[in-house]
Amino acid sequence: TGGAATAIGKSLIQNYAHNQCSVELNKRQEWRVALAVTAEKQQQWEDQICGCVSEEAPNSVTVTDLVQAATNQSARTGIVANAVTKTVTSCLNRFVKNSG
């Protein structure tokens, strides 16, 4: 059961992280500078960055966190917020470096 809960937790974190990524990006000054591009281009960038975040976020949490995310809604919110905060900066920096 622990393995199943861990897999479910990872999947939940990936889904929640992708959604939370947009919120986190819009709070960041470096992302606001990028708003000078077209809405279509911004959406492409956001999709790439948030795709990175959803892949990386589960790697920044413990197995215990993954199990909690699978079984506890209120814990999941905090775990995802923390994971997104940790990963959005690295994904944004990686994107900027690769597109520059």
PDB file of N, CA and C in Angstrom:
ATOM      1  N   THR A   1       0.814  -1.208   0.000  1.00  0.00           N
ATOM      2  CA  THR A   1       0.000   0.000   0.000  1.00  0.00           C
ATOM      3  C   THR A   1       0.852   1.265   0.000  1.00  0.00           C
ATOM      4  N   GLY A   2       2.005   1.219   0.669  1.00  0.00           N
ATOM      5  CA  GLY A   2       2.874   2.390   0.694  1.00  0.00           C
ATOM      6  C   GLY A   2       3.320   2.789  -0.699  1.00  0.00           C
ATOM      7  N   GLY A   3       3.622   1.775  -1.534  1.00  0.00           N
ATOM      8  CA  GLY A   3       4.043   2.061  -2.904  1.00  0.00           C
ATOM      9  C   GLY A   3       2.926   2.684  -3.723  1.00  0.00           C
ATOM     10  N   ALA A   4       1.717   2.177  -3.532  1.00  0.00           N
ATOM     11  CA  ALA A   4       0.564   2.733  -4.242  1.00  0.00           C
ATOM     12  C   ALA A   4       0.284   4.156  -3.790  1.00  0.00           C
ATOM     13  N   ALA A   5       0.355   4.382  -2.477  1.00  0.00           N
ATOM     14  CA  ALA A   5       0.120   5.739  -1.962  1.00  0.00           C
ATOM     15  C   ALA A   5       1.204   6.692  -2.450  1.00  0.00           C
ATOM     16  N   THR A   6       2.433   6.205  -2.518  1.00  0.00           N
ATOM     17  CA  THR A   6       3.532   7.038  -3.022  1.00  0.00           C
ATOM     18  C   THR A   6       3.293   7.401  -4.485  1.00  0.00           C
ATOM     19  N   ALA A   7       2.887   6.440  -5.298  1.00  0.00           N
ATOM     20  CA  ALA A   7       2.608   6.706  -6.717  1.00  0.00           C
ATOM     21  C   ALA A   7       1.443   7.673  -6.877  1.00  0.00           C
ATOM     22  N   ILE A   8       0.405   7.478  -6.076  1.00  0.00           N
ATOM     23  CA  ILE A   8      -0.744   8.389  -6.133  1.00  0.00           C
ATOM     24  C   ILE A   8      -0.317   9.786  -5.692  1.00  0.00           C
ATOM     25  N   GLY A   9       0.461   9.852  -4.619  1.00  0.00           N
ATOM     26  CA  GLY A   9       0.950  11.138  -4.130  1.00  0.00           C
ATOM     27  C   GLY A   9       1.774  11.861  -5.180  1.00  0.00           C
ATOM     28  N   LYS A  10       2.649  11.119  -5.867  1.00  0.00           N
ATOM     29  CA  LYS A  10       3.473  11.728  -6.914  1.00  0.00           C
ATOM     30  C   LYS A  10       2.605  12.280  -8.031  1.00  0.00           C
ATOM     31  N   SER A  11       1.616  11.508  -8.441  1.00  0.00           N
ATOM     32  CA  SER A  11       0.714  11.953  -9.504  1.00  0.00           C
ATOM     33  C   SER A  11      -0.076  13.190  -9.082  1.00  0.00           C
ATOM     34  N   LEU A  12      -0.582  13.174  -7.860  1.00  0.00           N
ATOM     35  CA  LEU A  12      -1.322  14.331  -7.354  1.00  0.00           C
ATOM     36  C   LEU A  12      -0.441  15.578  -7.303  1.00  0.00           C
ATOM     37  N   ILE A  13       0.783  15.403  -6.813  1.00  0.00           N
ATOM     38  CA  ILE A  13       1.698  16.544  -6.732  1.00  0.00           C
ATOM     39  C   ILE A  13       1.996  17.075  -8.124  1.00  0.00           C
ATOM     40  N   GLN A  14       2.197  16.197  -9.089  1.00  0.00           N
ATOM     41  CA  GLN A  14       2.459  16.657 -10.462  1.00  0.00           C
ATOM     42  C   GLN A  14       1.293  17.486 -10.983  1.00  0.00           C
ATOM     43  N   ASN A  15       0.080  17.011 -10.795  1.00  0.00           N
ATOM     44  CA  ASN A  15      -1.092  17.731 -11.292  1.00  0.00           C
ATOM     45  C   ASN A  15      -1.290  19.065 -10.579  1.00  0.00           C
ATOM     46  N   TYR A  16      -1.207  19.034  -9.264  1.00  0.00           N
ATOM     47  CA  TYR A  16      -1.377  20.266  -8.492  1.00  0.00           C
ATOM     48  C   TYR A  16      -0.239  21.241  -8.784  1.00  0.00           C
ATOM     49  N   ALA A  17       0.973  20.725  -8.929  1.00  0.00           N
ATOM     50  CA  ALA A  17       2.133  21.587  -9.173  1.00  0.00           C
ATOM     51  C   ALA A  17       1.995  22.333 -10.493  1.00  0.00           C
ATOM     52  N   HIS A  18       1.498  21.669 -11.511  1.00  0.00           N
ATOM     53  CA  HIS A  18       1.338  22.332 -12.806  1.00  0.00           C
ATOM     54  C   HIS A  18       0.366  23.504 -12.676  1.00  0.00           C
ATOM     55  N   ASN A  19      -0.722  23.284 -11.947  1.00  0.00           N
ATOM     56  CA  ASN A  19      -1.706  24.349 -11.753  1.00  0.00           C
ATOM     57  C   ASN A  19      -1.151  25.476 -10.885  1.00  0.00           C
ATOM     58  N   GLN A  20      -0.463  25.130  -9.812  1.00  0.00           N
ATOM     59  CA  GLN A  20       0.083  26.124  -8.889  1.00  0.00           C
ATOM     60  C   GLN A  20       1.218  26.922  -9.535  1.00  0.00           C
ATOM     61  N   CYS A  21       1.885  26.338 -10.494  1.00  0.00           N
ATOM     62  CA  CYS A  21       3.002  26.991 -11.170  1.00  0.00           C
ATOM     63  C   CYS A  21       2.581  28.316 -11.797  1.00  0.00           C
ATOM     64  N   SER A  22       1.448  28.350 -12.453  1.00  0.00           N
ATOM     65  CA  SER A  22       0.964  29.590 -13.082  1.00  0.00           C
ATOM     66  C   SER A  22       0.786  30.690 -12.048  1.00  0.00           C
ATOM     67  N   VAL A  23       0.224  30.328 -10.911  1.00  0.00           N
ATOM     68  CA  VAL A  23       0.019  31.292  -9.831  1.00  0.00           C
ATOM     69  C   VAL A  23       1.368  31.820  -9.354  1.00  0.00           C
ATOM     70  N   GLU A  24       2.308  30.904  -9.159  1.00  0.00           N
ATOM     71  CA  GLU A  24       3.632  31.276  -8.662  1.00  0.00           C
ATOM     72  C   GLU A  24       4.376  32.150  -9.683  1.00  0.00           C
ATOM     73  N   LEU A  25       4.284  31.807 -10.952  1.00  0.00           N
ATOM     74  CA  LEU A  25       4.954  32.603 -11.991  1.00  0.00           C
ATOM     75  C   LEU A  25       4.456  34.046 -11.991  1.00  0.00           C
ATOM     76  N   ASN A  26       3.159  34.204 -11.874  1.00  0.00           N
ATOM     77  CA  ASN A  26       2.593  35.547 -11.941  1.00  0.00           C
ATOM     78  C   ASN A  26       2.937  36.409 -10.732  1.00  0.00           C
ATOM     79  N   LYS A  27       3.429  35.802  -9.655  1.00  0.00           N
ATOM     80  CA  LYS A  27       3.873  36.560  -8.491  1.00  0.00           C
ATOM     81  C   LYS A  27       5.319  37.042  -8.638  1.00  0.00           C
ATOM     82  N   ARG A  28       6.041  36.505  -9.594  1.00  0.00           N
ATOM     83  CA  ARG A  28       7.479  36.754  -9.705  1.00  0.00           C
ATOM     84  C   ARG A  28       7.804  37.899 -10.656  1.00  0.00           C
ATOM     85  N   GLN A  29       8.680  38.756 -10.214  1.00  0.00           N
ATOM     86  CA  GLN A  29       9.074  39.929 -10.990  1.00  0.00           C
ATOM     87  C   GLN A  29       9.722  39.541 -12.324  1.00  0.00           C
ATOM     88  N   GLU A  30      10.612  38.544 -12.296  1.00  0.00           N
ATOM     89  CA  GLU A  30      11.298  38.160 -13.535  1.00  0.00           C
ATOM     90  C   GLU A  30      10.322  37.649 -14.583  1.00  0.00           C
ATOM     91  N   TRP A  31       9.216  37.051 -14.139  1.00  0.00           N
ATOM     92  CA  TRP A  31       8.213  36.583 -15.084  1.00  0.00           C
ATOM     93  C   TRP A  31       7.405  37.748 -15.625  1.00  0.00           C
ATOM     94  N   ARG A  32       7.134  38.731 -14.800  1.00  0.00           N
ATOM     95  CA  ARG A  32       6.373  39.905 -15.250  1.00  0.00           C
ATOM     96  C   ARG A  32       7.112  40.637 -16.370  1.00  0.00           C
ATOM     97  N   VAL A  33       8.428  40.640 -16.342  1.00  0.00           N
ATOM     98  CA  VAL A  33       9.224  41.259 -17.398  1.00  0.00           C
ATOM     99  C   VAL A  33       8.950  40.554 -18.728  1.00  0.00           C
ATOM    100  N   ALA A  34       8.741  39.255 -18.664  1.00  0.00           N
ATOM    101  CA  ALA A  34       8.479  38.478 -19.885  1.00  0.00           C
ATOM    102  C   ALA A  34       7.099  38.754 -20.468  1.00  0.00           C
ATOM    103  N   LEU A  35       6.262  39.476 -19.745  1.00  0.00           N
ATOM    104  CA  LEU A  35       4.913  39.754 -20.233  1.00  0.00           C
ATOM    105  C   LEU A  35       4.895  40.682 -21.441  1.00  0.00           C
ATOM    106  N   ALA A  36       6.052  41.209 -21.819  1.00  0.00           N
ATOM    107  CA  ALA A  36       6.132  42.081 -22.982  1.00  0.00           C
ATOM    108  C   ALA A  36       5.951  41.303 -24.288  1.00  0.00           C
ATOM    109  N   VAL A  37       5.966  39.983 -24.233  1.00  0.00           N
ATOM    110  CA  VAL A  37       5.764  39.166 -25.428  1.00  0.00           C
ATOM    111  C   VAL A  37       4.272  38.948 -25.646  1.00  0.00           C
ATOM    112  N   THR A  38       3.937  38.362 -26.771  1.00  0.00           N
ATOM    113  CA  THR A  38       2.532  38.100 -27.074  1.00  0.00           C
ATOM    114  C   THR A  38       1.942  37.104 -26.071  1.00  0.00           C
ATOM    115  N   ALA A  39       0.643  37.128 -25.934  1.00  0.00           N
ATOM    116  CA  ALA A  39      -0.035  36.203 -25.018  1.00  0.00           C
ATOM    117  C   ALA A  39       0.230  34.759 -25.427  1.00  0.00           C
ATOM    118  N   GLU A  40       0.275  34.513 -26.731  1.00  0.00           N
ATOM    119  CA  GLU A  40       0.532  33.158 -27.227  1.00  0.00           C
ATOM    120  C   GLU A  40       1.925  32.683 -26.817  1.00  0.00           C
ATOM    121  N   LYS A  41       2.918  33.574 -26.980  1.00  0.00           N
ATOM    122  CA  LYS A  41       4.293  33.236 -26.624  1.00  0.00           C
ATOM    123  C   LYS A  41       4.411  33.023 -25.115  1.00  0.00           C
ATOM    124  N   GLN A  42       3.761  33.889 -24.340  1.00  0.00           N
ATOM    125  CA  GLN A  42       3.800  33.738 -22.893  1.00  0.00           C
ATOM    126  C   GLN A  42       3.198  32.393 -22.481  1.00  0.00           C
ATOM    127  N   GLN A  43       2.097  31.992 -23.122  1.00  0.00           N
ATOM    128  CA  GLN A  43       1.468  30.712 -22.812  1.00  0.00           C
ATOM    129  C   GLN A  43       2.394  29.548 -23.140  1.00  0.00           C
ATOM    130  N   GLN A  44       3.116  29.645 -24.264  1.00  0.00           N
ATOM    131  CA  GLN A  44       4.079  28.599 -24.629  1.00  0.00           C
ATOM    132  C   GLN A  44       5.160  28.482 -23.559  1.00  0.00           C
ATOM    133  N   TRP A  45       5.686  29.630 -23.133  1.00  0.00           N
ATOM    134  CA  TRP A  45       6.733  29.637 -22.108  1.00  0.00           C
ATOM    135  C   TRP A  45       6.203  29.060 -20.806  1.00  0.00           C
ATOM    136  N   GLU A  46       5.001  29.499 -20.426  1.00  0.00           N
ATOM    137  CA  GLU A  46       4.403  29.014 -19.184  1.00  0.00           C
ATOM    138  C   GLU A  46       4.213  27.502 -19.235  1.00  0.00           C
ATOM    139  N   ASP A  47       3.753  26.985 -20.373  1.00  0.00           N
ATOM    140  CA  ASP A  47       3.573  25.543 -20.521  1.00  0.00           C
ATOM    141  C   ASP A  47       4.894  24.805 -20.350  1.00  0.00           C
ATOM    142  N   GLN A  48       5.972  25.343 -20.930  1.00  0.00           N
ATOM    143  CA  GLN A  48       7.277  24.702 -20.814  1.00  0.00           C
ATOM    144  C   GLN A  48       7.789  24.749 -19.377  1.00  0.00           C
ATOM    145  N   ILE A  49       7.701  25.896 -18.754  1.00  0.00           N
ATOM    146  CA  ILE A  49       8.194  26.059 -17.385  1.00  0.00           C
ATOM    147  C   ILE A  49       7.369  25.212 -16.424  1.00  0.00           C
ATOM    148  N   CYS A  50       6.056  25.257 -16.559  1.00  0.00           N
ATOM    149  CA  CYS A  50       5.192  24.502 -15.652  1.00  0.00           C
ATOM    150  C   CYS A  50       5.275  22.998 -15.911  1.00  0.00           C
ATOM    151  N   GLY A  51       5.574  22.610 -17.133  1.00  0.00           N
ATOM    152  CA  GLY A  51       5.832  21.193 -17.411  1.00  0.00           C
ATOM    153  C   GLY A  51       7.063  20.727 -16.659  1.00  0.00           C
ATOM    154  N   CYS A  52       8.087  21.557 -16.656  1.00  0.00           N
ATOM    155  CA  CYS A  52       9.304  21.277 -15.896  1.00  0.00           C
ATOM    156  C   CYS A  52       8.971  21.181 -14.410  1.00  0.00           C
ATOM    157  N   VAL A  53       8.202  22.129 -13.907  1.00  0.00           N
ATOM    158  CA  VAL A  53       7.843  22.151 -12.486  1.00  0.00           C
ATOM    159  C   VAL A  53       7.078  20.887 -12.105  1.00  0.00           C
ATOM    160  N   SER A  54       6.122  20.478 -12.923  1.00  0.00           N
ATOM    161  CA  SER A  54       5.328  19.296 -12.568  1.00  0.00           C
ATOM    162  C   SER A  54       6.181  18.025 -12.574  1.00  0.00           C
ATOM    163  N   GLU A  55       7.223  17.994 -13.402  1.00  0.00           N
ATOM    164  CA  GLU A  55       8.136  16.851 -13.409  1.00  0.00           C
ATOM    165  C   GLU A  55       9.095  16.882 -12.226  1.00  0.00           C
ATOM    166  N   GLU A  56       9.576  18.063 -11.877  1.00  0.00           N
ATOM    167  CA  GLU A  56      10.582  18.206 -10.823  1.00  0.00           C
ATOM    168  C   GLU A  56      10.005  18.247  -9.413  1.00  0.00           C
ATOM    169  N   ALA A  57       8.812  18.774  -9.246  1.00  0.00           N
ATOM    170  CA  ALA A  57       8.244  18.971  -7.907  1.00  0.00           C
ATOM    171  C   ALA A  57       8.212  17.695  -7.060  1.00  0.00           C
ATOM    172  N   PRO A  58       7.781  16.555  -7.605  1.00  0.00           N
ATOM    173  CA  PRO A  58       7.759  15.354  -6.753  1.00  0.00           C
ATOM    174  C   PRO A  58       9.149  14.945  -6.256  1.00  0.00           C
ATOM    175  N   ASN A  59      10.191  15.338  -6.982  1.00  0.00           N
ATOM    176  CA  ASN A  59      11.551  14.988  -6.568  1.00  0.00           C
ATOM    177  C   ASN A  59      12.023  15.810  -5.378  1.00  0.00           C
ATOM    178  N   SER A  60      11.320  16.880  -5.063  1.00  0.00           N
ATOM    179  CA  SER A  60      11.736  17.741  -3.954  1.00  0.00           C
ATOM    180  C   SER A  60      10.966  17.462  -2.666  1.00  0.00           C
ATOM    181  N   VAL A  61      10.215  16.365  -2.649  1.00  0.00           N
ATOM    182  CA  VAL A  61       9.484  15.993  -1.442  1.00  0.00           C
ATOM    183  C   VAL A  61       9.890  14.587  -1.003  1.00  0.00           C
ATOM    184  N   THR A  62       9.660  14.292   0.255  1.00  0.00           N
ATOM    185  CA  THR A  62      10.008  12.978   0.801  1.00  0.00           C
ATOM    186  C   THR A  62       8.911  11.966   0.488  1.00  0.00           C
ATOM    187  N   VAL A  63       9.223  10.705   0.685  1.00  0.00           N
ATOM    188  CA  VAL A  63       8.224   9.651   0.505  1.00  0.00           C
ATOM    189  C   VAL A  63       7.066   9.873   1.481  1.00  0.00           C
ATOM    190  N   THR A  64       7.386  10.291   2.692  1.00  0.00           N
ATOM    191  CA  THR A  64       6.341  10.585   3.681  1.00  0.00           C
ATOM    192  C   THR A  64       5.408  11.671   3.163  1.00  0.00           C
ATOM    193  N   ASP A  65       5.998  12.715   2.555  1.00  0.00           N
ATOM    194  CA  ASP A  65       5.175  13.781   1.982  1.00  0.00           C
ATOM    195  C   ASP A  65       4.291  13.252   0.852  1.00  0.00           C
ATOM    196  N   LEU A  66       4.838  12.367   0.029  1.00  0.00           N
ATOM    197  CA  LEU A  66       4.054  11.804  -1.072  1.00  0.00           C
ATOM    198  C   LEU A  66       2.859  11.020  -0.538  1.00  0.00           C
ATOM    199  N   VAL A  67       3.074  10.242   0.517  1.00  0.00           N
ATOM    200  CA  VAL A  67       1.980   9.478   1.107  1.00  0.00           C
ATOM    201  C   VAL A  67       0.946  10.430   1.716  1.00  0.00           C
ATOM    202  N   GLN A  68       1.416  11.466   2.411  1.00  0.00           N
ATOM    203  CA  GLN A  68       0.486  12.452   2.981  1.00  0.00           C
ATOM    204  C   GLN A  68      -0.307  13.153   1.883  1.00  0.00           C
ATOM    205  N   ALA A  69       0.364  13.480   0.780  1.00  0.00           N
ATOM    206  CA  ALA A  69      -0.320  14.149  -0.327  1.00  0.00           C
ATOM    207  C   ALA A  69      -1.433  13.271  -0.891  1.00  0.00           C
ATOM    208  N   ALA A  70      -1.215  11.967  -0.874  1.00  0.00           N
ATOM    209  CA  ALA A  70      -2.224  11.042  -1.400  1.00  0.00           C
ATOM    210  C   ALA A  70      -3.405  10.881  -0.457  1.00  0.00           C
ATOM    211  N   THR A  71      -3.186  11.129   0.842  1.00  0.00           N
ATOM    212  CA  THR A  71      -4.224  10.801   1.815  1.00  0.00           C
ATOM    213  C   THR A  71      -4.806  11.995   2.569  1.00  0.00           C
ATOM    214  N   ASN A  72      -4.223  13.168   2.417  1.00  0.00           N
ATOM    215  CA  ASN A  72      -4.647  14.297   3.241  1.00  0.00           C
ATOM    216  C   ASN A  72      -4.679  15.576   2.402  1.00  0.00           C
ATOM    217  N   GLN A  73      -5.869  16.064   2.098  1.00  0.00           N
ATOM    218  CA  GLN A  73      -6.043  17.243   1.243  1.00  0.00           C
ATOM    219  C   GLN A  73      -5.331  18.473   1.795  1.00  0.00           C
ATOM    220  N   SER A  74      -5.470  18.745   3.082  1.00  0.00           N
ATOM    221  CA  SER A  74      -4.854  19.954   3.630  1.00  0.00           C
ATOM    222  C   SER A  74      -3.337  19.841   3.623  1.00  0.00           C
ATOM    223  N   ALA A  75      -2.803  18.667   3.877  1.00  0.00           N
ATOM    224  CA  ALA A  75      -1.351  18.474   3.798  1.00  0.00           C
ATOM    225  C   ALA A  75      -0.874  18.642   2.356  1.00  0.00           C
ATOM    226  N   ARG A  76      -1.648  18.146   1.410  1.00  0.00           N
ATOM    227  CA  ARG A  76      -1.280  18.215  -0.008  1.00  0.00           C
ATOM    228  C   ARG A  76      -1.064  19.658  -0.453  1.00  0.00           C
ATOM    229  N   THR A  77      -1.934  20.549  -0.026  1.00  0.00           N
ATOM    230  CA  THR A  77      -1.821  21.954  -0.422  1.00  0.00           C
ATOM    231  C   THR A  77      -0.483  22.539   0.008  1.00  0.00           C
ATOM    232  N   GLY A  78      -0.101  22.317   1.246  1.00  0.00           N
ATOM    233  CA  GLY A  78       1.171  22.838   1.746  1.00  0.00           C
ATOM    234  C   GLY A  78       2.367  22.174   1.095  1.00  0.00           C
ATOM    235  N   ILE A  79       2.285  20.858   0.914  1.00  0.00           N
ATOM    236  CA  ILE A  79       3.387  20.112   0.302  1.00  0.00           C
ATOM    237  C   ILE A  79       3.609  20.600  -1.130  1.00  0.00           C
ATOM    238  N   VAL A  80       2.526  20.765  -1.873  1.00  0.00           N
ATOM    239  CA  VAL A  80       2.639  21.218  -3.262  1.00  0.00           C
ATOM    240  C   VAL A  80       3.168  22.645  -3.327  1.00  0.00           C
ATOM    241  N   ALA A  81       2.652  23.520  -2.483  1.00  0.00           N
ATOM    242  CA  ALA A  81       3.118  24.910  -2.490  1.00  0.00           C
ATOM    243  C   ALA A  81       4.618  24.974  -2.229  1.00  0.00           C
ATOM    244  N   ASN A  82       5.093  24.201  -1.281  1.00  0.00           N
ATOM    245  CA  ASN A  82       6.515  24.174  -0.959  1.00  0.00           C
ATOM    246  C   ASN A  82       7.330  23.614  -2.127  1.00  0.00           C
ATOM    247  N   ALA A  83       6.853  22.528  -2.724  1.00  0.00           N
ATOM    248  CA  ALA A  83       7.564  21.912  -3.845  1.00  0.00           C
ATOM    249  C   ALA A  83       7.608  22.841  -5.056  1.00  0.00           C
ATOM    250  N   VAL A  84       6.507  23.533  -5.333  1.00  0.00           N
ATOM    251  CA  VAL A  84       6.465  24.455  -6.480  1.00  0.00           C
ATOM    252  C   VAL A  84       7.417  25.620  -6.247  1.00  0.00           C
ATOM    253  N   THR A  85       7.414  26.165  -5.041  1.00  0.00           N
ATOM    254  CA  THR A  85       8.313  27.277  -4.735  1.00  0.00           C
ATOM    255  C   THR A  85       9.765  26.863  -4.952  1.00  0.00           C
ATOM    256  N   LYS A  86      10.108  25.653  -4.531  1.00  0.00           N
ATOM    257  CA  LYS A  86      11.477  25.171  -4.694  1.00  0.00           C
ATOM    258  C   LYS A  86      11.845  24.975  -6.160  1.00  0.00           C
ATOM    259  N   THR A  87      10.904  24.488  -6.970  1.00  0.00           N
ATOM    260  CA  THR A  87      11.245  24.091  -8.332  1.00  0.00           C
ATOM    261  C   THR A  87      10.999  25.156  -9.387  1.00  0.00           C
ATOM    262  N   VAL A  88      10.092  26.088  -9.152  1.00  0.00           N
ATOM    263  CA  VAL A  88       9.778  27.062 -10.197  1.00  0.00           C
ATOM    264  C   VAL A  88      10.995  27.935 -10.520  1.00  0.00           C
ATOM    265  N   THR A  89      11.783  28.277  -9.510  1.00  0.00           N
ATOM    266  CA  THR A  89      12.965  29.101  -9.766  1.00  0.00           C
ATOM    267  C   THR A  89      13.964  28.360 -10.639  1.00  0.00           C
ATOM    268  N   SER A  90      14.236  27.102 -10.315  1.00  0.00           N
ATOM    269  CA  SER A  90      15.208  26.362 -11.118  1.00  0.00           C
ATOM    270  C   SER A  90      14.699  26.125 -12.538  1.00  0.00           C
ATOM    271  N   CYS A  91      13.405  25.840 -12.679  1.00  0.00           N
ATOM    272  CA  CYS A  91      12.846  25.634 -14.021  1.00  0.00           C
ATOM    273  C   CYS A  91      12.841  26.938 -14.826  1.00  0.00           C
ATOM    274  N   LEU A  92      12.508  28.046 -14.181  1.00  0.00           N
ATOM    275  CA  LEU A  92      12.514  29.335 -14.862  1.00  0.00           C
ATOM    276  C   LEU A  92      13.920  29.704 -15.298  1.00  0.00           C
ATOM    277  N   ASN A  93      14.895  29.509 -14.410  1.00  0.00           N
ATOM    278  CA  ASN A  93      16.291  29.800 -14.764  1.00  0.00           C
ATOM    279  C   ASN A  93      16.777  28.915 -15.893  1.00  0.00           C
ATOM    280  N   ARG A  94      16.413  27.634 -15.858  1.00  0.00           N
ATOM    281  CA  ARG A  94      16.807  26.694 -16.921  1.00  0.00           C
ATOM    282  C   ARG A  94      16.186  27.133 -18.245  1.00  0.00           C
ATOM    283  N   PHE A  95      14.928  27.535 -18.220  1.00  0.00           N
ATOM    284  CA  PHE A  95      14.255  27.973 -19.433  1.00  0.00           C
ATOM    285  C   PHE A  95      14.909  29.223 -20.009  1.00  0.00           C
ATOM    286  N   VAL A  96      15.181  30.202 -19.134  1.00  0.00           N
ATOM    287  CA  VAL A  96      15.793  31.456 -19.594  1.00  0.00           C
ATOM    288  C   VAL A  96      17.163  31.180 -20.203  1.00  0.00           C
ATOM    289  N   LYS A  97      17.944  30.305 -19.562  1.00  0.00           N
ATOM    290  CA  LYS A  97      19.280  29.987 -20.069  1.00  0.00           C
ATOM    291  C   LYS A  97      19.205  29.291 -21.422  1.00  0.00           C
ATOM    292  N   ASN A  98      18.253  28.382 -21.573  1.00  0.00           N
ATOM    293  CA  ASN A  98      18.115  27.622 -22.813  1.00  0.00           C
ATOM    294  C   ASN A  98      17.499  28.419 -23.954  1.00  0.00           C
ATOM    295  N   SER A  99      16.715  29.449 -23.616  1.00  0.00           N
ATOM    296  CA  SER A  99      16.078  30.224 -24.679  1.00  0.00           C
ATOM    297  C   SER A  99      16.869  31.476 -25.026  1.00  0.00           C
ATOM    298  N   GLY A 100      17.885  31.764 -24.242  1.00  0.00           N
ATOM    299  CA  GLY A 100      18.639  32.997 -24.447  1.00  0.00           C
ATOM    300  C   GLY A 100      19.754  32.906 -25.373  1.00  0.00           C
TER     301      GLY A 100
END
